[in-house]
Protein backbone atom coordinates (compact mmCIF):
# COMPACT_ATOMS: atom_id res chain seq x y z
CA UNK A 1 0.00 -0.07 0.03
CA UNK A 2 1.52 3.25 -1.10
CA UNK A 3 0.36 6.49 0.85
CA UNK A 4 -0.45 9.47 -0.88
CA UNK A 5 2.76 12.26 -0.75
CA UNK A 6 -0.02 14.75 0.98
CA UNK A 7 -1.29 14.47 4.27
CA UNK A 8 -5.01 13.78 3.51
CA UNK A 9 -5.99 14.41 7.15
CA UNK A 10 -5.71 18.06 6.71
CA UNK A 11 -8.91 18.02 4.30
CA UNK A 12 -12.32 16.40 4.73
CA UNK A 13 -12.57 13.02 3.26
CA UNK A 14 -12.94 12.71 -0.37
CA UNK A 15 -15.82 10.29 -0.05
CA UNK A 16 -18.85 10.10 2.28
CA UNK A 17 -20.78 7.30 3.86
CA UNK A 18 -23.11 5.74 1.23
CA UNK A 19 -21.12 7.12 -1.70
CA UNK A 20 -21.00 4.27 -4.54
CA UNK A 21 -17.49 3.90 -5.51
CA UNK A 22 -15.62 2.04 -8.21
CA UNK A 23 -12.09 0.29 -7.46
CA UNK A 24 -9.55 1.71 -9.90
CA UNK A 25 -6.89 -1.06 -9.34
CA UNK A 26 -6.33 -4.78 -7.97
CA UNK A 27 -6.55 -4.49 -3.98
CA UNK A 28 -4.56 -7.48 -2.49
CA UNK A 29 -4.46 -8.46 1.03
CA UNK A 30 -1.61 -6.98 2.99
CA UNK A 31 -2.18 -9.32 6.02
CA UNK A 32 -4.92 -7.04 7.67
CA UNK A 33 -7.92 -8.84 6.06
CA UNK A 34 -8.77 -12.11 8.21
CA UNK A 35 -9.45 -15.61 6.47
CA UNK A 36 -7.27 -14.69 3.29
CA UNK A 37 -3.61 -15.17 2.46
CA UNK A 38 -1.31 -12.22 2.06
CA UNK A 39 -1.51 -11.28 -1.53
CA UNK A 40 -5.02 -12.80 -2.61
CA UNK A 41 -7.35 -10.64 -4.50
CA UNK A 42 -9.88 -8.74 -2.48
CA UNK A 43 -11.19 -6.52 -5.32
CA UNK A 44 -10.81 -6.30 -8.93
CA UNK A 45 -10.44 -3.22 -11.23
CA UNK A 46 -14.31 -1.81 -11.91
CA UNK A 47 -15.73 -3.61 -8.86
CA UNK A 48 -18.64 -1.41 -7.41
CA UNK A 49 -19.09 -0.95 -3.60
CA UNK A 50 -20.57 1.27 -1.04
CA UNK A 51 -18.59 3.41 1.78
CA UNK A 52 -19.74 2.23 4.90
CA UNK A 53 -17.15 3.54 7.12
CA UNK A 54 -14.25 5.87 7.37
CA UNK A 55 -11.26 5.58 9.56
CA UNK A 56 -7.41 6.91 9.35
CA UNK A 57 -4.07 5.16 8.96
CA UNK A 58 -0.87 6.37 10.57
CA UNK A 59 -2.53 9.84 11.04
CA UNK A 60 -1.98 10.55 7.25
CA UNK A 61 -4.62 9.07 5.12
CA UNK A 62 -8.35 8.10 5.15
CA UNK A 63 -9.23 4.52 5.03
CA UNK A 64 -12.79 4.00 3.42
CA UNK A 65 -14.43 0.81 4.38
CA UNK A 66 -16.05 -0.23 1.42
CA UNK A 67 -18.95 -3.07 0.89
CA UNK A 68 -18.69 -4.86 -2.09
CA UNK A 69 -21.96 -6.46 -2.57
CA UNK A 70 -20.92 -9.08 -5.18
CA UNK A 71 -18.41 -10.72 -2.81
CA UNK A 72 -20.14 -9.73 0.35
CA UNK A 73 -16.81 -8.43 1.59
CA UNK A 74 -15.73 -5.24 3.45
CA UNK A 75 -12.44 -3.96 2.39
CA UNK A 76 -10.46 -1.03 3.33
CA UNK A 77 -9.31 1.52 0.55
CA UNK A 78 -7.64 4.20 0.30
CA UNK A 79 -8.89 7.52 -1.59
CA UNK A 80 -6.34 6.94 -4.55
CA UNK A 81 -7.67 3.25 -4.97
CA UNK A 82 -11.17 4.58 -5.70
CA UNK A 83 -13.26 6.84 -7.87
CA UNK A 84 -16.68 7.89 -7.34
CA UNK A 85 -19.05 5.47 -9.33
CA UNK A 86 -21.72 8.26 -10.00
CA UNK A 87 -22.46 11.87 -8.78
CA UNK A 88 -25.42 11.48 -6.51
CA UNK A 89 -26.57 12.24 -3.00
CA UNK A 90 -25.16 10.03 -0.30
CA UNK A 91 -27.65 7.46 1.17
CA UNK A 92 -27.10 8.78 4.66
CA UNK A 93 -27.09 12.62 5.28
CA UNK A 94 -23.87 14.19 6.36
CA UNK A 95 -23.21 17.38 8.59
CA UNK A 96 -21.37 19.89 6.47
CA UNK A 97 -17.68 20.09 7.63
């Protein structure tokens, strides 16, 4: 996992809860996904999922918990690994930053 050069936490998250997102690159298990071997594929490019949680990693980057409905897995993704699948209001209303 390569972190962005900038400190993302200085800005609001790129994605909100409920956003529909698309994976841009293969996401593999780095050892933090239980029940899978290190290096196993967790998501493929163009897989669609929904942001169900937002956390942080090393006080630098946001980690988005994305629920992929096809595989029924929740995978942690960086913003550089995702893009918004369509512009629409989030499923869950969010307070403004």
